[in-house]
Amino acid sequence: MDKTARDAQCREPNRKTMQSWKAGYQETGTSGLVGGSQKPGLATGEGAGSLPNFTYLETREGWLYLAGVLDVYSRRIVGWSMSEQHDTSLVQTALQMALLQRKPGAGLIHHSDRGSEYASTRYQMLLHEHQIQVSMSKKGDCYDNAMIESFWATLKKECAETSVFSSRNEAKRTIFEYIEVYYHRKRRHSSLGYLSPVEYEKQGTQTDGAYS
């Protein structure tokens, strides 16, 4: 697929409904992941939540790995990174971007799977330095990360389902545009009252002056 066709596909994604986070998800006491019930996760502190995870995309040059950190409150991807390698540096770069953008206070709940990248000493030290509360899924339990897994599925369906990227650079450009231009600012979510993540956060700012 040429660049023009691929860009058009990202701007006008498939309209089929994706399975979304269920409002009735029960709080575990450690993860604090109750969809839509918290203030902006990486902007507040105690009681807020973030979900990190990574996925991969096929290119003709090989795999491109994409790590992200999702804010539970607004479904915004507040940190992300891309690399040829899936290692601690990949996920740590995404977390550092999230921390830089949101500057969370102590008590943020950070829920991940038990992958070696998230369990590594370097990653855990970064969480500890920022007084972030660590929560990890039970072995074999994938449901806690359903929200960000749903985002990966949506991204792949709307941007990368029908063809292979010609290069990693093409994939990086396309994913950047999808996340920063379309998903954050234009894509509406039923769980957010049919607002985009940016619109939802602005609405929260208007109703509560403590958030920015």
N, C-alpha and C. Protein backbone atom coordinates (compact mmCIF):
# COMPACT_ATOMS: atom_id res chain seq x y z
N MET A 1 0.86 -1.20 0.00
CA MET A 1 0.00 0.00 0.00
C MET A 1 0.89 1.24 0.00
N ASP A 2 0.59 2.23 -0.92
CA ASP A 2 1.41 3.42 -0.95
C ASP A 2 1.06 4.35 0.20
N LYS A 3 1.89 5.39 0.39
CA LYS A 3 1.73 6.27 1.55
C LYS A 3 0.39 6.98 1.54
N THR A 4 -0.06 7.45 0.37
CA THR A 4 -1.33 8.17 0.30
C THR A 4 -2.49 7.30 0.73
N ALA A 5 -2.50 6.05 0.23
CA ALA A 5 -3.59 5.13 0.59
C ALA A 5 -3.54 4.78 2.06
N ARG A 6 -2.34 4.56 2.60
CA ARG A 6 -2.23 4.21 4.01
C ARG A 6 -2.66 5.38 4.90
N ASP A 7 -2.27 6.61 4.54
CA ASP A 7 -2.67 7.77 5.33
C ASP A 7 -4.18 7.93 5.33
N ALA A 8 -4.80 7.69 4.17
CA ALA A 8 -6.25 7.78 4.09
C ALA A 8 -6.91 6.73 4.96
N GLN A 9 -6.32 5.53 5.01
CA GLN A 9 -6.87 4.47 5.85
C GLN A 9 -6.82 4.87 7.32
N CYS A 10 -5.75 5.56 7.75
CA CYS A 10 -5.65 5.98 9.14
C CYS A 10 -6.61 7.12 9.46
N ARG A 11 -6.84 8.00 8.49
CA ARG A 11 -7.75 9.11 8.76
C ARG A 11 -9.20 8.67 8.76
N GLU A 12 -9.52 7.62 8.00
CA GLU A 12 -10.89 7.12 7.92
C GLU A 12 -10.90 5.63 8.28
N PRO A 13 -10.75 5.31 9.55
CA PRO A 13 -10.62 3.92 9.98
C PRO A 13 -11.92 3.15 9.86
N ASN A 14 -11.77 1.83 9.94
CA ASN A 14 -12.92 0.95 9.95
C ASN A 14 -13.84 1.31 11.10
N ARG A 15 -15.15 1.38 10.84
CA ARG A 15 -16.11 1.84 11.84
C ARG A 15 -16.66 0.73 12.73
N LYS A 16 -16.26 -0.51 12.49
CA LYS A 16 -16.80 -1.61 13.29
C LYS A 16 -16.49 -1.39 14.76
N THR A 17 -17.45 -1.70 15.58
CA THR A 17 -17.31 -1.49 17.02
C THR A 17 -16.30 -2.44 17.61
N MET A 18 -15.37 -1.86 18.42
CA MET A 18 -14.39 -2.67 19.14
C MET A 18 -14.93 -2.94 20.54
N GLN A 19 -14.61 -4.09 21.06
CA GLN A 19 -15.03 -4.40 22.43
C GLN A 19 -14.30 -3.48 23.39
N SER A 20 -15.04 -2.75 24.21
CA SER A 20 -14.44 -1.75 25.09
C SER A 20 -14.40 -2.24 26.52
N TRP A 21 -13.69 -1.46 27.32
CA TRP A 21 -13.58 -1.73 28.75
C TRP A 21 -14.96 -1.69 29.39
N LYS A 22 -15.30 -2.69 30.18
CA LYS A 22 -16.61 -2.76 30.78
C LYS A 22 -16.67 -1.95 32.08
N ALA A 23 -17.73 -1.15 32.20
CA ALA A 23 -17.85 -0.27 33.36
C ALA A 23 -17.96 -1.06 34.65
N GLY A 24 -18.40 -2.29 34.57
CA GLY A 24 -18.59 -3.07 35.78
C GLY A 24 -17.36 -3.81 36.26
N TYR A 25 -16.20 -3.52 35.67
CA TYR A 25 -14.98 -4.20 36.09
C TYR A 25 -14.76 -3.96 37.58
N GLN A 26 -14.47 -5.00 38.32
CA GLN A 26 -14.36 -4.90 39.78
C GLN A 26 -12.96 -4.53 40.21
N GLU A 27 -12.87 -3.58 41.12
CA GLU A 27 -11.57 -3.16 41.66
C GLU A 27 -10.98 -4.27 42.51
N THR A 28 -9.69 -4.52 42.33
CA THR A 28 -9.04 -5.62 43.04
C THR A 28 -8.45 -5.18 44.37
N GLY A 29 -8.29 -3.89 44.55
CA GLY A 29 -7.65 -3.41 45.78
C GLY A 29 -6.19 -3.09 45.57
N THR A 30 -5.60 -3.60 44.45
CA THR A 30 -4.22 -3.27 44.16
C THR A 30 -4.10 -2.53 42.85
N SER A 31 -4.93 -2.87 41.89
CA SER A 31 -4.80 -2.22 40.59
C SER A 31 -5.57 -0.92 40.51
N GLY A 32 -6.71 -0.83 41.17
CA GLY A 32 -7.50 0.39 41.11
C GLY A 32 -8.03 0.70 39.74
N LEU A 33 -8.20 -0.30 38.88
CA LEU A 33 -8.60 -0.06 37.51
C LEU A 33 -10.11 -0.14 37.38
N VAL A 34 -10.75 0.98 37.62
CA VAL A 34 -12.19 1.06 37.44
C VAL A 34 -12.43 2.04 36.32
N GLY A 35 -12.76 1.55 35.12
CA GLY A 35 -12.83 2.38 33.92
C GLY A 35 -13.72 3.59 34.10
N GLY A 36 -13.17 4.78 33.82
CA GLY A 36 -13.92 6.01 33.81
C GLY A 36 -14.21 6.61 35.16
N SER A 37 -13.71 6.03 36.23
CA SER A 37 -14.08 6.53 37.56
C SER A 37 -13.02 7.40 38.21
N GLN A 38 -11.86 7.51 37.57
CA GLN A 38 -10.77 8.26 38.17
C GLN A 38 -10.53 9.57 37.44
N LYS A 39 -9.77 10.47 38.06
CA LYS A 39 -9.29 11.67 37.38
C LYS A 39 -8.06 11.31 36.56
N PRO A 40 -7.54 12.24 35.70
CA PRO A 40 -6.44 11.89 34.80
C PRO A 40 -5.31 11.19 35.53
N GLY A 41 -5.04 9.94 35.14
CA GLY A 41 -4.19 9.05 35.90
C GLY A 41 -2.79 9.55 36.18
N LEU A 42 -2.11 10.07 35.18
CA LEU A 42 -0.74 10.49 35.39
C LEU A 42 -0.67 11.96 35.76
N ALA A 43 -1.81 12.57 36.03
CA ALA A 43 -1.78 13.96 36.45
C ALA A 43 -2.17 14.11 37.92
N THR A 44 -2.73 13.08 38.50
CA THR A 44 -3.16 13.20 39.89
C THR A 44 -2.23 12.42 40.78
N GLY A 45 -2.67 11.35 41.36
CA GLY A 45 -1.81 10.61 42.27
C GLY A 45 -2.58 9.47 42.85
N GLU A 46 -2.85 9.50 44.13
CA GLU A 46 -3.47 8.38 44.81
C GLU A 46 -4.81 8.02 44.17
N GLY A 47 -4.99 6.76 43.82
CA GLY A 47 -6.23 6.29 43.25
C GLY A 47 -6.27 6.31 41.74
N ALA A 48 -5.30 6.98 41.10
CA ALA A 48 -5.28 7.02 39.65
C ALA A 48 -4.54 5.82 39.11
N GLY A 49 -4.68 5.55 37.80
CA GLY A 49 -4.06 4.35 37.26
C GLY A 49 -3.51 4.51 35.87
N SER A 50 -2.45 3.75 35.57
CA SER A 50 -1.88 3.69 34.23
C SER A 50 -1.63 2.24 33.87
N LEU A 51 -1.72 1.96 32.58
CA LEU A 51 -1.52 0.61 32.07
C LEU A 51 -0.41 0.61 31.03
N PRO A 52 0.72 -0.04 31.28
CA PRO A 52 1.77 -0.16 30.27
C PRO A 52 1.67 -1.51 29.54
N ASN A 53 2.12 -1.53 28.31
CA ASN A 53 2.14 -2.79 27.55
C ASN A 53 2.90 -2.53 26.27
N PHE A 54 3.24 -3.60 25.53
CA PHE A 54 3.84 -3.39 24.21
C PHE A 54 3.31 -4.41 23.22
N THR A 55 3.45 -4.07 21.94
CA THR A 55 3.00 -4.94 20.87
C THR A 55 4.02 -4.88 19.75
N TYR A 56 3.73 -5.45 18.59
CA TYR A 56 4.67 -5.44 17.48
C TYR A 56 3.92 -5.30 16.17
N LEU A 57 4.61 -4.73 15.18
CA LEU A 57 4.05 -4.52 13.85
C LEU A 57 5.03 -5.06 12.81
N GLU A 58 4.50 -5.63 11.76
CA GLU A 58 5.34 -6.23 10.73
C GLU A 58 5.72 -5.20 9.68
N THR A 59 7.02 -5.18 9.33
CA THR A 59 7.49 -4.37 8.20
C THR A 59 8.37 -5.27 7.33
N ARG A 60 8.66 -4.81 6.13
CA ARG A 60 9.51 -5.59 5.23
C ARG A 60 10.97 -5.61 5.69
N GLU A 61 11.29 -4.77 6.67
CA GLU A 61 12.63 -4.78 7.26
C GLU A 61 12.71 -5.62 8.52
N GLY A 62 11.57 -6.13 8.97
CA GLY A 62 11.51 -6.90 10.21
C GLY A 62 10.49 -6.30 11.15
N TRP A 63 10.42 -6.84 12.37
CA TRP A 63 9.43 -6.38 13.34
C TRP A 63 9.78 -5.00 13.88
N LEU A 64 8.74 -4.21 14.16
CA LEU A 64 8.88 -2.96 14.90
C LEU A 64 8.06 -3.11 16.17
N TYR A 65 8.71 -2.92 17.31
CA TYR A 65 8.04 -3.06 18.61
C TYR A 65 7.57 -1.70 19.11
N LEU A 66 6.36 -1.66 19.63
CA LEU A 66 5.73 -0.43 20.08
C LEU A 66 5.27 -0.61 21.53
N ALA A 67 5.81 0.22 22.42
CA ALA A 67 5.40 0.19 23.83
C ALA A 67 4.55 1.41 24.12
N GLY A 68 3.59 1.25 25.01
CA GLY A 68 2.73 2.37 25.36
C GLY A 68 2.35 2.36 26.83
N VAL A 69 1.97 3.53 27.34
CA VAL A 69 1.41 3.67 28.69
C VAL A 69 0.07 4.38 28.53
N LEU A 70 -1.00 3.73 28.94
CA LEU A 70 -2.35 4.27 28.77
C LEU A 70 -2.88 4.82 30.09
N ASP A 71 -3.46 6.01 30.04
CA ASP A 71 -4.09 6.62 31.20
C ASP A 71 -5.50 6.05 31.33
N VAL A 72 -5.78 5.42 32.45
CA VAL A 72 -7.07 4.77 32.66
C VAL A 72 -8.23 5.76 32.59
N TYR A 73 -7.99 6.97 33.06
CA TYR A 73 -9.06 7.96 33.12
C TYR A 73 -9.58 8.36 31.74
N SER A 74 -8.67 8.69 30.83
CA SER A 74 -9.07 9.25 29.54
C SER A 74 -8.77 8.35 28.34
N ARG A 75 -8.15 7.21 28.57
CA ARG A 75 -7.73 6.30 27.48
C ARG A 75 -6.65 6.91 26.60
N ARG A 76 -6.01 7.96 27.06
CA ARG A 76 -4.96 8.61 26.29
C ARG A 76 -3.65 7.83 26.43
N ILE A 77 -2.91 7.72 25.33
CA ILE A 77 -1.59 7.08 25.36
C ILE A 77 -0.59 8.17 25.75
N VAL A 78 -0.28 8.23 27.03
CA VAL A 78 0.52 9.34 27.56
C VAL A 78 2.02 9.12 27.41
N GLY A 79 2.42 7.91 27.08
CA GLY A 79 3.82 7.62 26.82
C GLY A 79 3.93 6.49 25.82
N TRP A 80 4.86 6.59 24.90
CA TRP A 80 5.04 5.51 23.93
C TRP A 80 6.43 5.60 23.31
N SER A 81 6.90 4.46 22.79
CA SER A 81 8.21 4.39 22.14
C SER A 81 8.21 3.25 21.14
N MET A 82 9.12 3.33 20.17
CA MET A 82 9.23 2.30 19.13
C MET A 82 10.69 1.91 18.95
N SER A 83 10.92 0.62 18.68
CA SER A 83 12.30 0.12 18.55
C SER A 83 12.31 -1.21 17.81
N GLU A 84 13.49 -1.57 17.31
CA GLU A 84 13.68 -2.88 16.70
C GLU A 84 13.76 -3.98 17.76
N GLN A 85 14.00 -3.60 19.01
CA GLN A 85 14.17 -4.57 20.09
C GLN A 85 13.06 -4.44 21.12
N HIS A 86 12.60 -5.57 21.64
CA HIS A 86 11.67 -5.52 22.76
C HIS A 86 12.45 -5.84 24.03
N ASP A 87 12.82 -4.79 24.74
CA ASP A 87 13.66 -4.94 25.93
C ASP A 87 13.26 -3.88 26.96
N THR A 88 14.01 -3.81 28.03
CA THR A 88 13.70 -2.86 29.08
C THR A 88 13.76 -1.42 28.59
N SER A 89 14.71 -1.11 27.71
CA SER A 89 14.84 0.25 27.20
C SER A 89 13.58 0.70 26.47
N LEU A 90 12.95 -0.21 25.74
CA LEU A 90 11.73 0.12 25.00
C LEU A 90 10.63 0.58 25.95
N VAL A 91 10.35 -0.23 26.98
CA VAL A 91 9.24 0.10 27.88
C VAL A 91 9.62 1.24 28.82
N GLN A 92 10.90 1.35 29.16
CA GLN A 92 11.33 2.43 30.06
C GLN A 92 11.21 3.78 29.36
N THR A 93 11.52 3.83 28.07
CA THR A 93 11.39 5.08 27.32
C THR A 93 9.94 5.54 27.28
N ALA A 94 9.01 4.59 27.10
CA ALA A 94 7.59 4.93 27.10
C ALA A 94 7.16 5.47 28.46
N LEU A 95 7.65 4.85 29.53
CA LEU A 95 7.31 5.32 30.88
C LEU A 95 7.89 6.70 31.14
N GLN A 96 9.14 6.93 30.72
CA GLN A 96 9.76 8.23 30.93
C GLN A 96 9.00 9.34 30.20
N MET A 97 8.50 9.05 29.01
CA MET A 97 7.69 10.02 28.28
C MET A 97 6.42 10.34 29.05
N ALA A 98 5.78 9.30 29.60
CA ALA A 98 4.55 9.50 30.38
C ALA A 98 4.83 10.34 31.62
N LEU A 99 5.91 10.07 32.30
CA LEU A 99 6.26 10.83 33.50
C LEU A 99 6.56 12.28 33.17
N LEU A 100 7.22 12.51 32.05
CA LEU A 100 7.56 13.87 31.64
C LEU A 100 6.30 14.66 31.28
N GLN A 101 5.37 14.00 30.60
CA GLN A 101 4.15 14.68 30.17
C GLN A 101 3.21 14.98 31.34
N ARG A 102 3.09 14.02 32.28
CA ARG A 102 2.06 14.13 33.31
C ARG A 102 2.56 14.57 34.69
N LYS A 103 3.84 14.29 34.97
CA LYS A 103 4.41 14.67 36.27
C LYS A 103 3.51 14.24 37.43
N PRO A 104 3.33 12.94 37.61
CA PRO A 104 2.40 12.45 38.63
C PRO A 104 2.90 12.66 40.04
N GLY A 105 1.96 12.76 40.96
CA GLY A 105 2.31 12.79 42.37
C GLY A 105 2.46 11.38 42.89
N ALA A 106 2.86 11.26 44.15
CA ALA A 106 3.04 9.95 44.75
C ALA A 106 1.70 9.22 44.81
N GLY A 107 1.75 7.90 44.61
CA GLY A 107 0.56 7.09 44.75
C GLY A 107 -0.08 6.63 43.47
N LEU A 108 0.45 7.06 42.32
CA LEU A 108 -0.07 6.57 41.04
C LEU A 108 0.02 5.04 41.00
N ILE A 109 -1.04 4.40 40.57
CA ILE A 109 -1.06 2.95 40.46
C ILE A 109 -0.66 2.55 39.04
N HIS A 110 0.37 1.76 38.92
CA HIS A 110 0.94 1.36 37.64
C HIS A 110 0.78 -0.15 37.51
N HIS A 111 -0.15 -0.60 36.66
CA HIS A 111 -0.48 -2.02 36.58
C HIS A 111 0.03 -2.62 35.28
N SER A 112 0.88 -3.64 35.38
CA SER A 112 1.46 -4.28 34.20
C SER A 112 1.36 -5.80 34.32
N ASP A 113 1.73 -6.48 33.24
CA ASP A 113 1.86 -7.93 33.34
C ASP A 113 3.21 -8.24 33.98
N ARG A 114 3.54 -9.53 34.06
CA ARG A 114 4.77 -9.93 34.74
C ARG A 114 5.92 -10.19 33.77
N GLY A 115 5.88 -9.54 32.62
CA GLY A 115 6.96 -9.68 31.65
C GLY A 115 8.29 -9.23 32.21
N SER A 116 9.37 -9.81 31.69
CA SER A 116 10.70 -9.51 32.21
C SER A 116 11.05 -8.03 32.06
N GLU A 117 10.52 -7.38 31.02
CA GLU A 117 10.82 -5.97 30.82
C GLU A 117 10.28 -5.12 31.98
N TYR A 118 9.06 -5.44 32.43
CA TYR A 118 8.43 -4.66 33.50
C TYR A 118 8.92 -5.07 34.89
N ALA A 119 9.41 -6.30 34.99
CA ALA A 119 9.92 -6.79 36.27
C ALA A 119 11.41 -6.49 36.46
N SER A 120 12.05 -5.92 35.44
CA SER A 120 13.49 -5.68 35.50
C SER A 120 13.83 -4.67 36.60
N THR A 121 15.04 -4.77 37.09
CA THR A 121 15.50 -3.88 38.15
C THR A 121 15.46 -2.42 37.72
N ARG A 122 15.91 -2.13 36.49
CA ARG A 122 15.92 -0.76 35.98
C ARG A 122 14.52 -0.16 35.96
N TYR A 123 13.57 -0.91 35.48
CA TYR A 123 12.20 -0.40 35.36
C TYR A 123 11.58 -0.19 36.74
N GLN A 124 11.78 -1.18 37.61
CA GLN A 124 11.22 -1.07 38.95
C GLN A 124 11.85 0.08 39.75
N MET A 125 13.12 0.33 39.52
CA MET A 125 13.78 1.45 40.20
C MET A 125 13.19 2.78 39.76
N LEU A 126 12.87 2.89 38.46
CA LEU A 126 12.27 4.13 37.96
C LEU A 126 10.91 4.37 38.60
N LEU A 127 10.13 3.31 38.75
CA LEU A 127 8.84 3.43 39.43
C LEU A 127 9.03 3.86 40.88
N HIS A 128 10.00 3.24 41.54
CA HIS A 128 10.26 3.54 42.95
C HIS A 128 10.70 4.99 43.14
N GLU A 129 11.55 5.47 42.22
CA GLU A 129 12.04 6.85 42.31
C GLU A 129 10.90 7.87 42.27
N HIS A 130 9.83 7.51 41.58
CA HIS A 130 8.70 8.44 41.44
C HIS A 130 7.55 8.08 42.38
N GLN A 131 7.83 7.21 43.35
CA GLN A 131 6.84 6.82 44.36
C GLN A 131 5.55 6.30 43.73
N ILE A 132 5.72 5.49 42.70
CA ILE A 132 4.59 4.90 41.99
C ILE A 132 4.27 3.53 42.58
N GLN A 133 3.01 3.28 42.83
CA GLN A 133 2.58 2.01 43.40
C GLN A 133 2.55 0.94 42.32
N VAL A 134 3.28 -0.13 42.54
CA VAL A 134 3.40 -1.19 41.55
C VAL A 134 2.31 -2.24 41.74
N SER A 135 1.64 -2.59 40.66
CA SER A 135 0.66 -3.66 40.65
C SER A 135 0.92 -4.52 39.43
N MET A 136 0.96 -5.85 39.59
CA MET A 136 1.23 -6.75 38.47
C MET A 136 0.18 -7.85 38.43
N SER A 137 -0.16 -8.26 37.22
CA SER A 137 -1.18 -9.29 37.04
C SER A 137 -0.73 -10.62 37.64
N LYS A 138 -1.70 -11.43 38.02
CA LYS A 138 -1.39 -12.80 38.38
C LYS A 138 -0.90 -13.55 37.15
N LYS A 139 -0.13 -14.57 37.34
CA LYS A 139 0.39 -15.35 36.24
C LYS A 139 -0.75 -15.90 35.40
N GLY A 140 -0.68 -15.65 34.09
CA GLY A 140 -1.69 -16.17 33.16
C GLY A 140 -2.97 -15.36 33.11
N ASP A 141 -3.04 -14.23 33.84
CA ASP A 141 -4.26 -13.42 33.86
C ASP A 141 -4.07 -12.22 32.94
N CYS A 142 -4.77 -12.23 31.81
CA CYS A 142 -4.60 -11.16 30.82
C CYS A 142 -5.69 -10.10 30.91
N TYR A 143 -6.70 -10.31 31.74
CA TYR A 143 -7.87 -9.43 31.72
C TYR A 143 -7.58 -8.05 32.31
N ASP A 144 -6.64 -7.94 33.25
CA ASP A 144 -6.35 -6.66 33.86
C ASP A 144 -5.87 -5.63 32.84
N ASN A 145 -5.24 -6.10 31.76
CA ASN A 145 -4.71 -5.20 30.74
C ASN A 145 -5.62 -5.12 29.53
N ALA A 146 -6.89 -5.46 29.70
CA ALA A 146 -7.82 -5.50 28.57
C ALA A 146 -7.95 -4.15 27.87
N MET A 147 -7.85 -3.06 28.63
CA MET A 147 -8.03 -1.74 28.04
C MET A 147 -6.95 -1.40 27.03
N ILE A 148 -5.69 -1.62 27.39
CA ILE A 148 -4.62 -1.29 26.44
C ILE A 148 -4.52 -2.35 25.35
N GLU A 149 -4.87 -3.60 25.65
CA GLU A 149 -4.91 -4.62 24.60
C GLU A 149 -5.96 -4.25 23.56
N SER A 150 -7.08 -3.67 24.01
CA SER A 150 -8.11 -3.20 23.09
C SER A 150 -7.56 -2.07 22.21
N PHE A 151 -6.73 -1.20 22.79
CA PHE A 151 -6.12 -0.13 21.99
C PHE A 151 -5.22 -0.70 20.92
N TRP A 152 -4.38 -1.68 21.27
CA TRP A 152 -3.50 -2.29 20.26
C TRP A 152 -4.32 -2.90 19.13
N ALA A 153 -5.40 -3.59 19.48
CA ALA A 153 -6.24 -4.21 18.46
C ALA A 153 -6.85 -3.15 17.55
N THR A 154 -7.28 -2.04 18.13
CA THR A 154 -7.86 -0.96 17.34
C THR A 154 -6.82 -0.35 16.42
N LEU A 155 -5.63 -0.08 16.94
CA LEU A 155 -4.56 0.51 16.14
C LEU A 155 -4.23 -0.39 14.94
N LYS A 156 -4.06 -1.68 15.20
CA LYS A 156 -3.70 -2.59 14.12
C LYS A 156 -4.82 -2.69 13.08
N LYS A 157 -6.07 -2.70 13.56
CA LYS A 157 -7.20 -2.83 12.65
C LYS A 157 -7.36 -1.59 11.77
N GLU A 158 -7.12 -0.43 12.35
CA GLU A 158 -7.37 0.81 11.64
C GLU A 158 -6.17 1.30 10.84
N CYS A 159 -4.98 0.80 11.14
CA CYS A 159 -3.78 1.30 10.45
C CYS A 159 -2.93 0.23 9.77
N ALA A 160 -3.00 -0.99 10.20
CA ALA A 160 -2.01 -1.96 9.72
C ALA A 160 -2.58 -3.33 9.44
N GLU A 161 -3.88 -3.43 9.22
CA GLU A 161 -4.48 -4.75 9.07
C GLU A 161 -4.30 -5.36 7.68
N THR A 162 -4.33 -4.52 6.64
CA THR A 162 -4.43 -5.05 5.29
C THR A 162 -3.10 -5.18 4.56
N SER A 163 -2.02 -4.62 5.10
CA SER A 163 -0.75 -4.69 4.39
C SER A 163 0.42 -4.58 5.35
N VAL A 164 1.61 -4.90 4.83
CA VAL A 164 2.84 -4.82 5.61
C VAL A 164 3.52 -3.49 5.29
N PHE A 165 4.01 -2.81 6.32
CA PHE A 165 4.73 -1.56 6.10
C PHE A 165 5.99 -1.83 5.29
N SER A 166 6.35 -0.90 4.41
CA SER A 166 7.54 -1.11 3.57
C SER A 166 8.83 -0.96 4.37
N SER A 167 8.80 -0.19 5.44
CA SER A 167 9.99 0.02 6.26
C SER A 167 9.58 0.36 7.69
N ARG A 168 10.53 0.28 8.60
CA ARG A 168 10.26 0.67 9.99
C ARG A 168 9.97 2.16 10.07
N ASN A 169 10.67 2.97 9.27
CA ASN A 169 10.44 4.40 9.31
C ASN A 169 9.03 4.75 8.85
N GLU A 170 8.54 4.05 7.83
CA GLU A 170 7.16 4.28 7.39
C GLU A 170 6.19 3.94 8.52
N ALA A 171 6.44 2.81 9.18
CA ALA A 171 5.58 2.41 10.29
C ALA A 171 5.61 3.45 11.41
N LYS A 172 6.79 3.97 11.73
CA LYS A 172 6.92 4.96 12.80
C LYS A 172 6.14 6.24 12.46
N ARG A 173 6.26 6.69 11.21
CA ARG A 173 5.53 7.91 10.81
C ARG A 173 4.02 7.70 10.91
N THR A 174 3.58 6.54 10.45
CA THR A 174 2.15 6.25 10.45
C THR A 174 1.60 6.14 11.86
N ILE A 175 2.33 5.45 12.74
CA ILE A 175 1.89 5.26 14.12
C ILE A 175 1.89 6.60 14.87
N PHE A 176 2.90 7.42 14.64
CA PHE A 176 2.94 8.74 15.26
C PHE A 176 1.70 9.55 14.88
N GLU A 177 1.38 9.58 13.58
CA GLU A 177 0.21 10.34 13.12
C GLU A 177 -1.07 9.76 13.71
N TYR A 178 -1.16 8.44 13.75
CA TYR A 178 -2.37 7.81 14.27
C TYR A 178 -2.60 8.18 15.74
N ILE A 179 -1.56 8.04 16.55
CA ILE A 179 -1.71 8.29 17.99
C ILE A 179 -1.92 9.77 18.28
N GLU A 180 -1.01 10.61 17.79
CA GLU A 180 -1.00 12.01 18.19
C GLU A 180 -2.04 12.87 17.46
N VAL A 181 -2.32 12.55 16.20
CA VAL A 181 -3.24 13.37 15.42
C VAL A 181 -4.66 12.83 15.46
N TYR A 182 -4.80 11.52 15.21
CA TYR A 182 -6.15 10.97 15.10
C TYR A 182 -6.71 10.43 16.42
N TYR A 183 -6.02 9.46 17.02
CA TYR A 183 -6.58 8.79 18.20
C TYR A 183 -6.81 9.75 19.36
N HIS A 184 -5.86 10.58 19.68
CA HIS A 184 -5.99 11.48 20.83
C HIS A 184 -7.01 12.59 20.60
N ARG A 185 -7.10 13.08 19.38
CA ARG A 185 -7.87 14.30 19.14
C ARG A 185 -9.16 14.11 18.36
N LYS A 186 -9.30 13.00 17.64
CA LYS A 186 -10.47 12.85 16.78
C LYS A 186 -11.29 11.59 17.06
N ARG A 187 -10.64 10.52 17.49
CA ARG A 187 -11.37 9.26 17.64
C ARG A 187 -12.25 9.30 18.89
N ARG A 188 -13.53 9.04 18.70
CA ARG A 188 -14.48 9.12 19.81
C ARG A 188 -14.65 7.74 20.46
N HIS A 189 -14.89 7.76 21.78
CA HIS A 189 -15.04 6.54 22.55
C HIS A 189 -16.39 6.52 23.24
N SER A 190 -17.10 5.43 23.10
CA SER A 190 -18.40 5.33 23.77
C SER A 190 -18.23 5.40 25.28
N SER A 191 -17.13 4.85 25.80
CA SER A 191 -16.90 4.86 27.24
C SER A 191 -16.55 6.24 27.78
N LEU A 192 -16.26 7.19 26.88
CA LEU A 192 -15.95 8.57 27.27
C LEU A 192 -17.09 9.52 26.88
N GLY A 193 -18.27 8.96 26.69
CA GLY A 193 -19.40 9.80 26.29
C GLY A 193 -19.27 10.28 24.85
N TYR A 194 -18.62 9.47 24.01
CA TYR A 194 -18.40 9.79 22.59
C TYR A 194 -17.56 11.05 22.40
N LEU A 195 -16.57 11.20 23.29
CA LEU A 195 -15.58 12.25 23.16
C LEU A 195 -14.23 11.61 22.86
N SER A 196 -13.31 12.39 22.31
CA SER A 196 -11.94 11.92 22.15
C SER A 196 -11.23 12.04 23.49
N PRO A 197 -10.08 11.37 23.67
CA PRO A 197 -9.35 11.51 24.93
C PRO A 197 -9.02 12.96 25.28
N VAL A 198 -8.60 13.76 24.30
CA VAL A 198 -8.27 15.15 24.57
C VAL A 198 -9.51 15.93 24.98
N GLU A 199 -10.61 15.72 24.28
CA GLU A 199 -11.86 16.41 24.62
C GLU A 199 -12.33 16.03 26.01
N TYR A 200 -12.18 14.73 26.35
CA TYR A 200 -12.62 14.26 27.66
C TYR A 200 -11.81 14.90 28.78
N GLU A 201 -10.49 15.02 28.56
CA GLU A 201 -9.65 15.65 29.58
C GLU A 201 -9.98 17.13 29.71
N LYS A 202 -10.27 17.81 28.60
CA LYS A 202 -10.65 19.22 28.65
C LYS A 202 -11.95 19.39 29.43
N GLN A 203 -12.88 18.49 29.21
CA GLN A 203 -14.14 18.54 29.94
C GLN A 203 -13.90 18.38 31.43
N GLY A 204 -12.99 17.48 31.79
CA GLY A 204 -12.65 17.28 33.20
C GLY A 204 -12.00 18.52 33.78
N THR A 205 -11.19 19.22 32.98
CA THR A 205 -10.55 20.45 33.43
C THR A 205 -11.57 21.54 33.72
N GLN A 206 -12.58 21.61 32.87
CA GLN A 206 -13.60 22.65 33.02
C GLN A 206 -14.48 22.42 34.25
N THR A 207 -14.66 21.14 34.61
CA THR A 207 -15.54 20.82 35.74
C THR A 207 -14.78 20.73 37.06
N ASP A 208 -13.44 20.67 36.97
CA ASP A 208 -12.63 20.60 38.19
C ASP A 208 -11.34 21.36 37.96
N GLY A 209 -11.23 22.54 38.52
CA GLY A 209 -10.08 23.41 38.28
C GLY A 209 -8.78 22.87 38.80
N ALA A 210 -8.79 21.74 39.53
CA ALA A 210 -7.55 21.19 40.08
C ALA A 210 -6.75 20.45 39.03
N TYR A 211 -7.32 20.19 37.86
CA TYR A 211 -6.64 19.38 36.86
C TYR A 211 -6.26 20.24 35.66
N SER A 212 -5.12 19.89 35.08
CA SER A 212 -4.65 20.68 33.95
C SER A 212 -4.19 19.75 32.85
